[in-house]
Amino acid sequence: GKMDVQCPSCHALHWAAEKLSDSSTSHPVFGTCCKSGKVELPMLQNPPQELQHLFDGTDHESKHFLDNIRSYNSAFAFVSLGLKVQPHNDPELPTTGPRQYKIKGALWHAMGSLLPETGKNPVYAQLYIVAPETALEQRLANNA
């Protein structure tokens, strides 16, 4: 089904099956987003218009950004996401905005050591403890 059931406390979207078992369908309560209203986070501000345009625009710059968004994300990641992505055409997923995909099966985060192995270049969190010039060079090389 659709992810269209809103948490009454924080307004996060959920699938109906994610409600706590002791809550009703007409008044669902969720524990994974805000611990049933116990955690209060400020609402996210809208991103700068230039950034929003990269997600929503239809011009060449927006297309380039969306086609390369995983590389941009990886350049600043502390961990890597592991999953098997299978191409599909799902009519329930939006066709504009950030790219979305469904995950079936295992999903994991891989976090490496703080220091690279001997002879290996630094990646992910390792780039945050080297000289800025070295980190920039390595990020560019990793995304080439």
N, C-alpha and C. Protein backbone atom coordinates (compact mmCIF):
# COMPACT_ATOMS: atom_id res chain seq x y z
N GLY A 1 0.81 -1.19 0.00
CA GLY A 1 0.00 0.00 0.00
C GLY A 1 0.85 1.24 0.00
N LYS A 2 0.16 2.35 0.11
CA LYS A 2 0.84 3.64 0.10
C LYS A 2 1.31 4.03 1.49
N MET A 3 2.36 4.82 1.50
CA MET A 3 2.88 5.38 2.75
C MET A 3 2.13 6.70 2.95
N ASP A 4 0.91 6.62 3.48
CA ASP A 4 0.07 7.82 3.54
C ASP A 4 -0.63 8.03 4.88
N VAL A 5 -0.21 7.32 5.91
CA VAL A 5 -0.80 7.50 7.23
C VAL A 5 0.12 8.41 8.03
N GLN A 6 -0.43 9.54 8.47
CA GLN A 6 0.37 10.56 9.13
C GLN A 6 0.38 10.37 10.64
N CYS A 7 1.55 10.48 11.22
CA CYS A 7 1.68 10.43 12.68
C CYS A 7 0.96 11.66 13.24
N PRO A 8 0.06 11.48 14.20
CA PRO A 8 -0.66 12.63 14.74
C PRO A 8 0.25 13.58 15.54
N SER A 9 1.40 13.11 15.98
CA SER A 9 2.29 13.94 16.78
C SER A 9 3.28 14.74 15.95
N CYS A 10 4.00 14.07 15.05
CA CYS A 10 5.06 14.77 14.30
C CYS A 10 4.77 14.88 12.81
N HIS A 11 3.69 14.27 12.35
CA HIS A 11 3.23 14.34 10.96
C HIS A 11 4.12 13.58 9.98
N ALA A 12 4.98 12.70 10.48
CA ALA A 12 5.76 11.84 9.59
C ALA A 12 4.81 10.87 8.90
N LEU A 13 5.14 10.49 7.67
CA LEU A 13 4.31 9.55 6.93
C LEU A 13 4.75 8.12 7.20
N HIS A 14 3.76 7.25 7.32
CA HIS A 14 4.01 5.83 7.61
C HIS A 14 3.09 4.97 6.75
N TRP A 15 3.41 3.69 6.70
CA TRP A 15 2.48 2.70 6.18
C TRP A 15 1.56 2.32 7.34
N ALA A 16 0.33 1.98 7.03
CA ALA A 16 -0.65 1.63 8.06
C ALA A 16 -0.14 0.50 8.96
N ALA A 17 0.58 -0.45 8.40
CA ALA A 17 1.07 -1.60 9.17
C ALA A 17 2.14 -1.21 10.19
N GLU A 18 2.66 0.01 10.12
CA GLU A 18 3.70 0.43 11.07
C GLU A 18 3.14 0.95 12.39
N LYS A 19 1.83 1.08 12.50
CA LYS A 19 1.25 1.59 13.75
C LYS A 19 1.53 0.63 14.89
N LEU A 20 1.57 1.17 16.10
CA LEU A 20 1.76 0.32 17.26
C LEU A 20 0.56 -0.61 17.40
N SER A 21 0.82 -1.84 17.80
CA SER A 21 -0.24 -2.86 17.83
C SER A 21 -1.38 -2.50 18.78
N ASP A 22 -1.11 -1.71 19.79
CA ASP A 22 -2.18 -1.35 20.72
C ASP A 22 -2.92 -0.07 20.32
N SER A 23 -2.68 0.44 19.10
CA SER A 23 -3.42 1.61 18.62
C SER A 23 -4.41 1.17 17.55
N SER A 24 -5.42 1.99 17.34
CA SER A 24 -6.47 1.64 16.39
C SER A 24 -6.15 2.16 14.99
N THR A 25 -6.85 1.63 14.01
CA THR A 25 -6.67 2.09 12.64
C THR A 25 -7.17 3.53 12.48
N SER A 26 -8.24 3.88 13.21
CA SER A 26 -8.78 5.24 13.09
C SER A 26 -7.96 6.27 13.86
N HIS A 27 -7.22 5.84 14.88
CA HIS A 27 -6.34 6.73 15.65
C HIS A 27 -4.98 6.05 15.82
N PRO A 28 -4.22 5.94 14.73
CA PRO A 28 -2.94 5.23 14.82
C PRO A 28 -1.91 5.99 15.64
N VAL A 29 -1.07 5.25 16.31
CA VAL A 29 0.05 5.80 17.07
C VAL A 29 1.30 5.09 16.59
N PHE A 30 2.37 5.86 16.41
CA PHE A 30 3.61 5.30 15.87
C PHE A 30 4.75 5.50 16.87
N GLY A 31 5.67 4.57 16.91
CA GLY A 31 6.78 4.66 17.84
C GLY A 31 8.12 4.88 17.18
N THR A 32 8.21 4.72 15.86
CA THR A 32 9.52 4.80 15.21
C THR A 32 9.93 6.21 14.83
N CYS A 33 9.00 7.14 14.77
CA CYS A 33 9.36 8.49 14.34
C CYS A 33 9.63 9.41 15.53
N CYS A 34 8.68 9.49 16.46
CA CYS A 34 8.81 10.43 17.57
C CYS A 34 8.49 9.79 18.92
N LYS A 35 8.52 8.46 18.95
CA LYS A 35 8.22 7.74 20.20
C LYS A 35 6.86 8.16 20.75
N SER A 36 5.86 8.14 19.87
CA SER A 36 4.48 8.47 20.25
C SER A 36 4.36 9.86 20.85
N GLY A 37 5.07 10.83 20.27
CA GLY A 37 4.99 12.21 20.72
C GLY A 37 5.95 12.57 21.84
N LYS A 38 6.77 11.65 22.28
CA LYS A 38 7.71 11.92 23.38
C LYS A 38 8.93 12.70 22.92
N VAL A 39 9.26 12.62 21.64
CA VAL A 39 10.40 13.35 21.08
C VAL A 39 9.85 14.45 20.19
N GLU A 40 10.22 15.68 20.48
CA GLU A 40 9.75 16.81 19.68
C GLU A 40 10.93 17.43 18.94
N LEU A 41 10.84 17.41 17.64
CA LEU A 41 11.87 18.03 16.80
C LEU A 41 11.26 19.22 16.09
N PRO A 42 12.04 20.27 15.87
CA PRO A 42 11.50 21.41 15.12
C PRO A 42 11.22 21.00 13.68
N MET A 43 10.20 21.60 13.09
CA MET A 43 9.88 21.33 11.70
C MET A 43 11.07 21.74 10.83
N LEU A 44 11.33 20.97 9.80
CA LEU A 44 12.40 21.31 8.88
C LEU A 44 12.04 22.58 8.13
N GLN A 45 13.03 23.42 7.95
CA GLN A 45 12.82 24.62 7.15
C GLN A 45 12.91 24.24 5.69
N ASN A 46 12.27 25.02 4.85
CA ASN A 46 12.40 24.78 3.41
C ASN A 46 13.84 25.02 3.01
N PRO A 47 14.36 24.19 2.10
CA PRO A 47 15.74 24.41 1.66
C PRO A 47 15.84 25.71 0.86
N PRO A 48 17.04 26.23 0.68
CA PRO A 48 17.20 27.41 -0.16
C PRO A 48 16.60 27.14 -1.54
N GLN A 49 16.07 28.18 -2.16
CA GLN A 49 15.38 28.01 -3.44
C GLN A 49 16.28 27.37 -4.50
N GLU A 50 17.56 27.70 -4.49
CA GLU A 50 18.48 27.13 -5.47
C GLU A 50 18.56 25.61 -5.32
N LEU A 51 18.60 25.13 -4.07
CA LEU A 51 18.67 23.69 -3.83
C LEU A 51 17.34 23.03 -4.18
N GLN A 52 16.23 23.65 -3.80
CA GLN A 52 14.92 23.09 -4.13
C GLN A 52 14.75 22.97 -5.63
N HIS A 53 15.26 23.95 -6.37
CA HIS A 53 15.17 23.91 -7.84
C HIS A 53 15.93 22.71 -8.40
N LEU A 54 17.06 22.37 -7.79
CA LEU A 54 17.81 21.21 -8.28
C LEU A 54 16.98 19.94 -8.16
N PHE A 55 16.16 19.83 -7.12
CA PHE A 55 15.30 18.66 -6.94
C PHE A 55 14.06 18.70 -7.83
N ASP A 56 13.46 19.87 -7.99
CA ASP A 56 12.17 19.97 -8.67
C ASP A 56 12.24 20.44 -10.11
N GLY A 57 13.36 21.03 -10.51
CA GLY A 57 13.46 21.61 -11.85
C GLY A 57 13.48 20.56 -12.95
N THR A 58 13.29 21.03 -14.17
CA THR A 58 13.30 20.14 -15.33
C THR A 58 14.41 20.51 -16.31
N ASP A 59 15.26 21.46 -15.94
CA ASP A 59 16.32 21.90 -16.84
C ASP A 59 17.52 20.95 -16.77
N HIS A 60 18.52 21.23 -17.59
CA HIS A 60 19.71 20.38 -17.68
C HIS A 60 20.44 20.29 -16.33
N GLU A 61 20.55 21.42 -15.62
CA GLU A 61 21.26 21.44 -14.35
C GLU A 61 20.57 20.52 -13.32
N SER A 62 19.24 20.57 -13.26
CA SER A 62 18.49 19.71 -12.34
C SER A 62 18.66 18.25 -12.70
N LYS A 63 18.58 17.95 -13.98
CA LYS A 63 18.73 16.56 -14.43
C LYS A 63 20.12 16.04 -14.07
N HIS A 64 21.13 16.86 -14.31
CA HIS A 64 22.51 16.47 -13.98
C HIS A 64 22.65 16.22 -12.47
N PHE A 65 22.08 17.11 -11.67
CA PHE A 65 22.14 16.96 -10.22
C PHE A 65 21.49 15.65 -9.78
N LEU A 66 20.28 15.37 -10.27
CA LEU A 66 19.57 14.15 -9.86
C LEU A 66 20.27 12.90 -10.38
N ASP A 67 20.86 12.98 -11.56
CA ASP A 67 21.59 11.82 -12.10
C ASP A 67 22.85 11.51 -11.29
N ASN A 68 23.40 12.52 -10.60
CA ASN A 68 24.65 12.34 -9.87
C ASN A 68 24.50 12.46 -8.36
N ILE A 69 23.27 12.48 -7.87
CA ILE A 69 23.04 12.73 -6.45
C ILE A 69 23.70 11.68 -5.55
N ARG A 70 23.76 10.45 -5.99
CA ARG A 70 24.41 9.41 -5.16
C ARG A 70 25.90 9.69 -5.01
N SER A 71 26.53 10.15 -6.06
CA SER A 71 27.96 10.48 -5.98
C SER A 71 28.18 11.65 -5.03
N TYR A 72 27.30 12.67 -5.11
CA TYR A 72 27.43 13.80 -4.19
C TYR A 72 27.24 13.34 -2.75
N ASN A 73 26.25 12.50 -2.52
CA ASN A 73 26.01 12.00 -1.17
C ASN A 73 27.19 11.17 -0.68
N SER A 74 27.73 10.33 -1.53
CA SER A 74 28.85 9.48 -1.14
C SER A 74 30.08 10.30 -0.78
N ALA A 75 30.24 11.44 -1.44
CA ALA A 75 31.41 12.28 -1.17
C ALA A 75 31.43 12.79 0.27
N PHE A 76 30.25 12.89 0.89
CA PHE A 76 30.17 13.42 2.24
C PHE A 76 29.67 12.40 3.26
N ALA A 77 29.65 11.14 2.89
CA ALA A 77 29.08 10.11 3.75
C ALA A 77 30.07 9.63 4.80
N PHE A 78 29.56 9.34 5.99
CA PHE A 78 30.36 8.70 7.03
C PHE A 78 30.22 7.18 6.94
N VAL A 79 29.13 6.72 6.39
CA VAL A 79 28.89 5.29 6.20
C VAL A 79 28.36 5.09 4.79
N SER A 80 28.42 3.86 4.33
CA SER A 80 27.84 3.57 3.02
C SER A 80 26.60 2.71 3.22
N LEU A 81 25.67 2.86 2.32
CA LEU A 81 24.41 2.12 2.37
C LEU A 81 24.54 0.91 1.48
N GLY A 82 24.18 -0.23 2.00
CA GLY A 82 24.26 -1.46 1.22
C GLY A 82 22.89 -2.02 0.95
N LEU A 83 22.57 -2.23 -0.31
CA LEU A 83 21.31 -2.84 -0.70
C LEU A 83 21.40 -3.22 -2.16
N LYS A 84 20.47 -4.04 -2.58
CA LYS A 84 20.37 -4.39 -3.99
C LYS A 84 19.23 -3.59 -4.58
N VAL A 85 19.54 -2.71 -5.53
CA VAL A 85 18.52 -1.88 -6.18
C VAL A 85 18.13 -2.54 -7.48
N GLN A 86 16.85 -2.77 -7.63
CA GLN A 86 16.36 -3.36 -8.87
C GLN A 86 15.53 -2.31 -9.59
N PRO A 87 15.81 -2.07 -10.87
CA PRO A 87 15.04 -1.07 -11.60
C PRO A 87 13.58 -1.51 -11.72
N HIS A 88 12.70 -0.54 -11.63
CA HIS A 88 11.28 -0.84 -11.75
C HIS A 88 10.53 0.43 -12.14
N ASN A 89 9.36 0.27 -12.62
CA ASN A 89 8.47 1.39 -12.92
C ASN A 89 7.26 1.24 -12.01
N ASP A 90 7.30 1.88 -10.86
CA ASP A 90 6.22 1.78 -9.88
C ASP A 90 5.34 3.01 -10.00
N PRO A 91 4.08 2.84 -10.38
CA PRO A 91 3.19 4.00 -10.54
C PRO A 91 2.90 4.71 -9.22
N GLU A 92 3.18 4.08 -8.08
CA GLU A 92 2.93 4.73 -6.79
C GLU A 92 4.04 5.70 -6.40
N LEU A 93 5.20 5.61 -7.02
CA LEU A 93 6.31 6.50 -6.68
C LEU A 93 6.22 7.77 -7.51
N PRO A 94 6.49 8.93 -6.89
CA PRO A 94 6.45 10.19 -7.63
C PRO A 94 7.49 10.22 -8.74
N THR A 95 7.20 10.98 -9.78
CA THR A 95 8.14 11.09 -10.90
C THR A 95 8.94 12.39 -10.83
N THR A 96 8.63 13.28 -9.88
CA THR A 96 9.39 14.51 -9.70
C THR A 96 9.97 14.52 -8.29
N GLY A 97 10.90 15.44 -8.05
CA GLY A 97 11.52 15.53 -6.74
C GLY A 97 12.65 14.54 -6.60
N PRO A 98 13.11 14.32 -5.36
CA PRO A 98 14.22 13.38 -5.16
C PRO A 98 13.84 11.98 -5.64
N ARG A 99 14.81 11.29 -6.21
CA ARG A 99 14.56 9.94 -6.70
C ARG A 99 14.18 9.03 -5.53
N GLN A 100 13.24 8.16 -5.75
CA GLN A 100 12.81 7.23 -4.72
C GLN A 100 12.91 5.82 -5.25
N TYR A 101 13.06 4.87 -4.35
CA TYR A 101 13.11 3.47 -4.73
C TYR A 101 12.58 2.64 -3.58
N LYS A 102 12.13 1.46 -3.92
CA LYS A 102 11.65 0.53 -2.90
C LYS A 102 12.77 -0.45 -2.58
N ILE A 103 12.84 -0.83 -1.33
CA ILE A 103 13.85 -1.78 -0.89
C ILE A 103 13.14 -3.06 -0.48
N LYS A 104 13.57 -4.16 -1.06
CA LYS A 104 13.06 -5.46 -0.66
C LYS A 104 14.27 -6.27 -0.21
N GLY A 105 14.15 -6.91 0.92
CA GLY A 105 15.28 -7.69 1.42
C GLY A 105 16.09 -6.88 2.41
N ALA A 106 17.36 -7.19 2.50
CA ALA A 106 18.23 -6.61 3.52
C ALA A 106 18.69 -5.20 3.17
N LEU A 107 18.84 -4.39 4.19
CA LEU A 107 19.39 -3.05 4.09
C LEU A 107 20.41 -2.93 5.22
N TRP A 108 21.59 -2.42 4.91
CA TRP A 108 22.60 -2.33 5.95
C TRP A 108 23.46 -1.10 5.74
N HIS A 109 24.12 -0.68 6.81
CA HIS A 109 25.09 0.41 6.76
C HIS A 109 26.46 -0.20 7.03
N ALA A 110 27.40 0.13 6.21
CA ALA A 110 28.76 -0.35 6.40
C ALA A 110 29.62 0.83 6.86
N MET A 111 30.29 0.65 7.96
CA MET A 111 31.16 1.70 8.48
C MET A 111 32.55 1.13 8.60
N GLY A 112 33.48 1.76 7.92
CA GLY A 112 34.85 1.27 7.92
C GLY A 112 35.63 1.77 9.11
N SER A 113 36.90 1.42 9.12
CA SER A 113 37.78 1.84 10.21
C SER A 113 38.09 3.33 10.08
N LEU A 114 38.58 3.90 11.15
CA LEU A 114 38.90 5.32 11.17
C LEU A 114 40.12 5.63 10.29
N LEU A 115 41.01 4.68 10.16
CA LEU A 115 42.20 4.87 9.33
C LEU A 115 42.16 3.91 8.15
N PRO A 116 42.64 4.35 6.98
CA PRO A 116 42.65 3.44 5.84
C PRO A 116 43.70 2.35 6.00
N GLU A 117 43.49 1.25 5.30
CA GLU A 117 44.49 0.19 5.29
C GLU A 117 45.76 0.72 4.63
N THR A 118 46.89 0.14 4.96
CA THR A 118 48.16 0.55 4.39
C THR A 118 48.09 0.48 2.87
N GLY A 119 48.45 1.58 2.22
CA GLY A 119 48.46 1.63 0.77
C GLY A 119 47.12 1.98 0.15
N LYS A 120 46.07 2.12 0.96
CA LYS A 120 44.74 2.46 0.45
C LYS A 120 44.45 3.94 0.68
N ASN A 121 43.64 4.52 -0.18
CA ASN A 121 43.25 5.92 -0.02
C ASN A 121 42.12 6.04 1.00
N PRO A 122 42.07 7.16 1.73
CA PRO A 122 40.99 7.34 2.70
C PRO A 122 39.64 7.54 2.01
N VAL A 123 38.58 7.00 2.64
CA VAL A 123 37.21 7.15 2.14
C VAL A 123 36.28 7.41 3.32
N TYR A 124 35.08 7.90 3.02
CA TYR A 124 34.02 8.14 4.00
C TYR A 124 34.54 8.94 5.19
N ALA A 125 34.32 8.46 6.41
CA ALA A 125 34.68 9.21 7.62
C ALA A 125 36.19 9.44 7.71
N GLN A 126 36.99 8.60 7.07
CA GLN A 126 38.44 8.77 7.11
C GLN A 126 38.86 10.11 6.52
N LEU A 127 38.04 10.66 5.63
CA LEU A 127 38.37 11.93 4.98
C LEU A 127 38.23 13.12 5.92
N TYR A 128 37.57 12.93 7.05
CA TYR A 128 37.36 14.04 7.97
C TYR A 128 38.51 14.25 8.94
N ILE A 129 39.50 13.38 8.92
CA ILE A 129 40.63 13.53 9.85
C ILE A 129 41.95 13.73 9.10
N VAL A 130 41.88 13.98 7.81
CA VAL A 130 43.09 14.29 7.05
C VAL A 130 43.07 15.77 6.69
N ALA A 131 44.17 16.27 6.20
CA ALA A 131 44.26 17.68 5.81
C ALA A 131 43.17 18.00 4.79
N PRO A 132 42.56 19.19 4.87
CA PRO A 132 41.47 19.54 3.95
C PRO A 132 41.84 19.40 2.48
N GLU A 133 43.06 19.76 2.12
CA GLU A 133 43.47 19.65 0.72
C GLU A 133 43.49 18.18 0.27
N THR A 134 44.01 17.32 1.14
CA THR A 134 44.06 15.89 0.84
C THR A 134 42.65 15.33 0.73
N ALA A 135 41.78 15.74 1.65
CA ALA A 135 40.39 15.25 1.63
C ALA A 135 39.69 15.66 0.35
N LEU A 136 39.88 16.91 -0.08
CA LEU A 136 39.24 17.38 -1.31
C LEU A 136 39.74 16.58 -2.51
N GLU A 137 41.05 16.41 -2.60
CA GLU A 137 41.62 15.64 -3.71
C GLU A 137 41.04 14.22 -3.74
N GLN A 138 40.94 13.60 -2.57
CA GLN A 138 40.45 12.22 -2.52
C GLN A 138 38.97 12.13 -2.84
N ARG A 139 38.16 13.10 -2.36
CA ARG A 139 36.73 13.10 -2.69
C ARG A 139 36.54 13.21 -4.20
N LEU A 140 37.30 14.10 -4.82
CA LEU A 140 37.20 14.26 -6.27
C LEU A 140 37.61 12.99 -6.99
N ALA A 141 38.66 12.35 -6.52
CA ALA A 141 39.13 11.10 -7.15
C ALA A 141 38.12 9.98 -6.95
N ASN A 142 37.49 9.91 -5.77
CA ASN A 142 36.51 8.85 -5.50
C ASN A 142 35.27 8.98 -6.37
N ASN A 143 34.95 10.20 -6.81
CA ASN A 143 33.75 10.42 -7.61
C ASN A 143 34.04 10.50 -9.10
N ALA A 144 35.28 10.28 -9.47
CA ALA A 144 35.64 10.36 -10.89
C ALA A 144 35.12 9.16 -11.65
